[in-house]
Structure formats: C-alpha cells, structure tokens
Protein backbone atom coordinates (compact mmCIF):
# COMPACT_ATOMS: atom_id res chain seq x y z
CA MET A 1 13.51 -16.66 14.96
CA GLY A 2 10.64 -14.78 16.55
CA ALA A 3 7.40 -15.97 17.93
CA ASP A 4 5.55 -15.11 14.61
CA TRP A 5 8.07 -17.07 12.62
CA ARG A 6 6.28 -19.33 9.99
CA SER A 7 2.76 -18.10 11.22
CA GLY A 8 1.62 -16.86 7.90
CA LEU A 9 1.94 -13.26 9.10
CA GLY A 10 4.65 -12.45 6.23
CA LYS A 11 2.61 -14.10 3.59
CA GLN A 12 -0.58 -12.04 4.68
CA LEU A 13 1.38 -8.73 4.58
CA VAL A 14 2.70 -9.25 1.03
CA GLU A 15 -0.98 -10.09 0.01
CA ALA A 16 -2.21 -7.10 1.55
CA CYS A 17 0.34 -4.91 -0.18
CA LEU A 18 -0.23 -6.58 -3.57
CA GLN A 19 -3.97 -5.97 -3.24
CA GLY A 20 -3.29 -2.33 -2.33
CA LEU A 21 -1.09 -2.05 -5.40
CA ALA A 22 -3.84 -3.80 -7.62
CA THR A 23 -6.25 -1.05 -6.63
CA LEU A 24 -4.05 1.41 -8.03
CA GLY A 25 -3.79 -0.30 -11.21
CA ILE A 26 -0.23 -1.81 -10.55
CA ALA A 27 -0.07 -5.39 -11.71
CA LYS A 28 3.56 -5.97 -11.67
CA SER A 29 6.19 -5.77 -8.74
CA HIS A 30 9.70 -6.66 -8.25
CA ILE A 31 11.70 -7.52 -5.06
CA ASP A 32 15.50 -7.98 -4.76
CA VAL A 33 16.99 -10.70 -2.74
CA PHE A 34 20.66 -11.27 -2.03
CA ARG A 35 21.63 -14.47 -3.78
CA THR A 36 23.16 -15.78 -0.42
CA ASN A 37 19.66 -15.29 1.28
CA THR A 38 18.51 -18.75 0.31
CA LEU A 39 15.75 -18.48 3.08
CA GLY A 40 14.36 -15.20 1.63
CA GLN A 41 14.33 -16.63 -1.92
CA LYS A 42 12.32 -19.65 -0.55
CA PHE A 43 9.67 -17.26 1.18
CA TRP A 44 9.12 -15.20 -1.90
CA GLU A 45 9.00 -18.20 -4.21
CA ALA A 46 6.48 -19.83 -1.73
CA THR A 47 4.22 -16.56 -2.10
CA GLY A 48 4.11 -16.90 -5.98
CA TRP A 49 7.15 -14.53 -7.09
CA LYS A 50 9.26 -16.08 -9.84
CA VAL A 51 13.02 -15.98 -10.40
CA ARG A 52 13.72 -14.14 -13.78
CA ASP A 53 16.59 -14.89 -15.77
CA ASP A 54 15.73 -12.67 -18.58
CA ILE A 55 16.97 -9.57 -16.91
CA VAL A 56 20.11 -8.33 -15.28
CA ARG A 57 20.33 -6.08 -12.53
CA LEU A 58 22.97 -3.26 -12.76
CA SER A 59 24.03 -1.12 -9.91
CA PHE A 60 26.10 2.02 -9.65
CA ILE A 61 28.02 2.19 -6.32
CA ARG A 62 29.95 5.24 -5.18
CA GLY A 63 32.23 4.72 -2.27
CA THR A 64 33.11 1.32 -0.72
CA ASN A 65 29.78 -0.02 1.03
CA GLU A 66 28.21 -2.00 -1.74
CA ASN A 67 25.00 -2.49 0.26
CA ALA A 68 24.45 1.18 1.05
C-alpha cells in the first residue's frame, strides 16, 4: 500500500468527479467492481455507493481474455 493509502485522497477524487458530473446535469453514475475485490467494494460503499440487486450486467466477450 502506498503512502497515501487511507488518507482520504480517493474519497476526495470521487467527490470531485461527482461534483463535476453534477454541474453537467448528470445525477446518476455506475461503477463496476469485481466480485472478488472486497476491498474495492468496501471503498465504494463507504463513499455512498449502493450495491444494486435489481439489475444484471451482461457482457459479450470475443476471444479468451474475459477481462479485456
């Protein structure tokens, strides 16, 4: 982990981005987090993002690299 880890910098960056989107009239945003990234999930939930169980993400993958 870097020196800035848990310094609040990530939360500040997210808030700045959301404020920028709000000035453009964009009120809803989405973020994808791998199910295995529990630390990432905790970060986003701690900054006010909610897990949704009312939608399903579908992907089309051409080739063998599912994370491309």
